[in-house]
N, C-alpha and C. Protein backbone atom coordinates (compact mmCIF):
# COMPACT_ATOMS: atom_id res chain seq x y z
N MET A 1 128.32 111.60 76.55
CA MET A 1 126.88 111.44 76.59
C MET A 1 126.23 112.79 76.87
N SER A 2 125.05 112.95 76.34
CA SER A 2 124.36 114.21 76.56
C SER A 2 123.77 114.26 77.97
N ALA A 3 123.42 115.45 78.39
CA ALA A 3 122.89 115.63 79.74
C ALA A 3 121.55 114.93 79.91
N ARG A 4 120.75 114.90 78.87
CA ARG A 4 119.44 114.25 78.96
C ARG A 4 119.59 112.74 79.14
N ILE A 5 120.48 112.14 78.38
CA ILE A 5 120.69 110.69 78.49
C ILE A 5 121.25 110.35 79.87
N THR A 6 122.17 111.15 80.35
CA THR A 6 122.74 110.93 81.68
C THR A 6 121.68 111.05 82.76
N SER A 7 120.82 112.05 82.62
CA SER A 7 119.75 112.27 83.59
C SER A 7 118.77 111.10 83.61
N VAL A 8 118.36 110.65 82.44
CA VAL A 8 117.42 109.53 82.35
C VAL A 8 118.06 108.24 82.89
N ALA A 9 119.34 108.04 82.60
CA ALA A 9 120.03 106.86 83.11
C ALA A 9 120.13 106.89 84.63
N ALA A 10 120.40 108.06 85.19
CA ALA A 10 120.49 108.18 86.66
C ALA A 10 119.13 107.95 87.31
N VAL A 11 118.09 108.49 86.71
CA VAL A 11 116.74 108.26 87.24
C VAL A 11 116.40 106.78 87.16
N GLY A 12 116.73 106.15 86.05
CA GLY A 12 116.46 104.72 85.89
C GLY A 12 117.22 103.88 86.91
N ALA A 13 118.48 104.21 87.12
CA ALA A 13 119.29 103.47 88.10
C ALA A 13 118.74 103.64 89.51
N THR A 14 118.36 104.87 89.86
CA THR A 14 117.80 105.13 91.18
C THR A 14 116.47 104.41 91.36
N ALA A 15 115.62 104.45 90.34
CA ALA A 15 114.33 103.77 90.43
C ALA A 15 114.51 102.26 90.55
N LEU A 16 115.48 101.70 89.85
CA LEU A 16 115.74 100.27 89.94
C LEU A 16 116.21 99.88 91.34
N VAL A 17 117.11 100.66 91.90
CA VAL A 17 117.60 100.36 93.24
C VAL A 17 116.47 100.49 94.27
N CYS A 18 115.63 101.51 94.12
CA CYS A 18 114.49 101.66 95.03
C CYS A 18 113.51 100.50 94.88
N HIS A 19 113.34 100.04 93.67
CA HIS A 19 112.47 98.88 93.44
C HIS A 19 113.03 97.64 94.13
N LEU A 20 114.32 97.41 94.00
CA LEU A 20 114.94 96.26 94.67
C LEU A 20 114.84 96.37 96.18
N CYS A 21 115.00 97.57 96.71
CA CYS A 21 114.92 97.77 98.15
C CYS A 21 113.50 97.59 98.67
N SER A 22 112.51 97.76 97.81
CA SER A 22 111.12 97.64 98.25
C SER A 22 110.76 96.21 98.64
N PHE A 23 111.55 95.22 98.23
CA PHE A 23 111.29 93.84 98.60
C PHE A 23 111.69 93.53 100.04
N MET A 24 112.42 94.46 100.68
CA MET A 24 112.87 94.32 102.07
C MET A 24 113.68 93.04 102.27
N ASP A 25 114.41 92.66 101.28
CA ASP A 25 115.29 91.49 101.35
C ASP A 25 116.63 91.93 101.93
N PRO A 26 117.20 91.20 102.85
CA PRO A 26 118.48 91.59 103.46
C PRO A 26 119.61 91.80 102.44
N ARG A 27 119.52 91.16 101.28
CA ARG A 27 120.57 91.34 100.27
C ARG A 27 120.64 92.78 99.78
N TRP A 28 119.53 93.48 99.77
CA TRP A 28 119.49 94.83 99.22
C TRP A 28 119.59 95.91 100.29
N PHE A 29 119.76 95.53 101.54
CA PHE A 29 119.76 96.51 102.63
C PHE A 29 120.84 97.57 102.45
N ALA A 30 122.03 97.17 102.04
CA ALA A 30 123.13 98.14 101.87
C ALA A 30 122.84 99.14 100.77
N LEU A 31 122.07 98.74 99.77
CA LEU A 31 121.75 99.67 98.68
C LEU A 31 120.83 100.80 99.12
N GLU A 32 120.08 100.58 100.19
CA GLU A 32 119.18 101.63 100.66
C GLU A 32 119.94 102.90 101.04
N TRP A 33 121.17 102.75 101.49
CA TRP A 33 121.96 103.90 101.91
C TRP A 33 122.47 104.72 100.73
N VAL A 34 122.55 104.12 99.56
CA VAL A 34 123.08 104.84 98.40
C VAL A 34 122.09 104.90 97.24
N ALA A 35 120.84 104.63 97.51
CA ALA A 35 119.84 104.52 96.45
C ALA A 35 119.71 105.80 95.61
N PHE A 36 119.77 106.95 96.24
CA PHE A 36 119.53 108.21 95.52
C PHE A 36 120.80 108.89 95.03
N VAL A 37 121.95 108.28 95.25
CA VAL A 37 123.22 108.91 94.86
C VAL A 37 123.31 109.19 93.36
N PRO A 38 122.97 108.25 92.46
CA PRO A 38 123.09 108.58 91.02
C PRO A 38 122.25 109.79 90.62
N TRP A 39 121.03 109.84 91.12
CA TRP A 39 120.14 110.95 90.76
C TRP A 39 120.63 112.26 91.38
N LEU A 40 121.09 112.22 92.62
CA LEU A 40 121.57 113.44 93.27
C LEU A 40 122.82 113.99 92.60
N LEU A 41 123.69 113.11 92.12
CA LEU A 41 124.88 113.59 91.40
C LEU A 41 124.50 114.31 90.11
N VAL A 42 123.54 113.77 89.40
CA VAL A 42 123.07 114.41 88.17
C VAL A 42 122.31 115.68 88.50
N LEU A 43 121.51 115.65 89.55
CA LEU A 43 120.73 116.83 89.94
C LEU A 43 121.65 117.99 90.31
N ASP A 44 122.79 117.69 90.89
CA ASP A 44 123.77 118.72 91.24
C ASP A 44 124.32 119.44 90.01
N ARG A 45 124.36 118.76 88.89
CA ARG A 45 124.94 119.33 87.67
C ARG A 45 123.92 119.95 86.73
N MET A 46 122.68 120.04 87.16
CA MET A 46 121.64 120.63 86.30
C MET A 46 121.95 122.11 86.07
N PRO A 47 121.82 122.54 84.81
CA PRO A 47 122.20 123.91 84.49
C PRO A 47 121.19 124.97 84.92
N SER A 48 119.94 124.57 85.17
CA SER A 48 118.93 125.57 85.53
C SER A 48 117.94 124.98 86.51
N VAL A 49 117.14 125.86 87.08
CA VAL A 49 116.11 125.42 88.00
C VAL A 49 115.06 124.61 87.25
N ARG A 50 114.75 125.00 86.04
CA ARG A 50 113.77 124.28 85.23
C ARG A 50 114.22 122.84 84.97
N ALA A 51 115.49 122.67 84.62
CA ALA A 51 116.02 121.33 84.39
C ALA A 51 115.97 120.49 85.66
N ALA A 52 116.24 121.10 86.80
CA ALA A 52 116.17 120.38 88.07
C ALA A 52 114.73 119.98 88.40
N LEU A 53 113.78 120.86 88.09
CA LEU A 53 112.37 120.53 88.32
C LEU A 53 111.91 119.39 87.42
N VAL A 54 112.34 119.41 86.17
CA VAL A 54 111.99 118.33 85.25
C VAL A 54 112.60 117.02 85.72
N SER A 55 113.82 117.06 86.19
CA SER A 55 114.47 115.86 86.70
C SER A 55 113.75 115.35 87.95
N GLY A 56 113.33 116.25 88.81
CA GLY A 56 112.57 115.86 90.00
C GLY A 56 111.22 115.25 89.63
N TRP A 57 110.57 115.82 88.64
CA TRP A 57 109.29 115.27 88.20
C TRP A 57 109.50 113.87 87.61
N LEU A 58 110.54 113.72 86.79
CA LEU A 58 110.83 112.42 86.20
C LEU A 58 111.14 111.38 87.27
N MET A 59 111.87 111.80 88.31
CA MET A 59 112.18 110.87 89.39
C MET A 59 110.92 110.48 90.16
N SER A 60 110.02 111.43 90.36
CA SER A 60 108.78 111.09 91.08
C SER A 60 107.90 110.14 90.27
N VAL A 61 107.90 110.28 88.96
CA VAL A 61 107.14 109.36 88.11
C VAL A 61 107.78 107.98 88.13
N ALA A 62 109.10 107.92 88.05
CA ALA A 62 109.80 106.63 88.05
C ALA A 62 109.71 105.96 89.41
N PHE A 63 109.66 106.73 90.48
CA PHE A 63 109.62 106.19 91.83
C PHE A 63 108.31 105.47 92.10
N VAL A 64 107.24 106.00 91.55
CA VAL A 64 105.92 105.40 91.77
C VAL A 64 105.77 104.25 90.84
């Protein structure tokens, strides 16, 4: 998979987990501890500062 698809998938997975945790349901409590792991793993592999900034911007848009 390309880096862009991986990045978008990680942002989507992180946003979905954060959305589930926003309900404050005890079923999702354990996910709160690992919510940002997919995005952070992809962010670690970004080839440039610009790519990391774009990924951060995308995550902030998806988070809201």
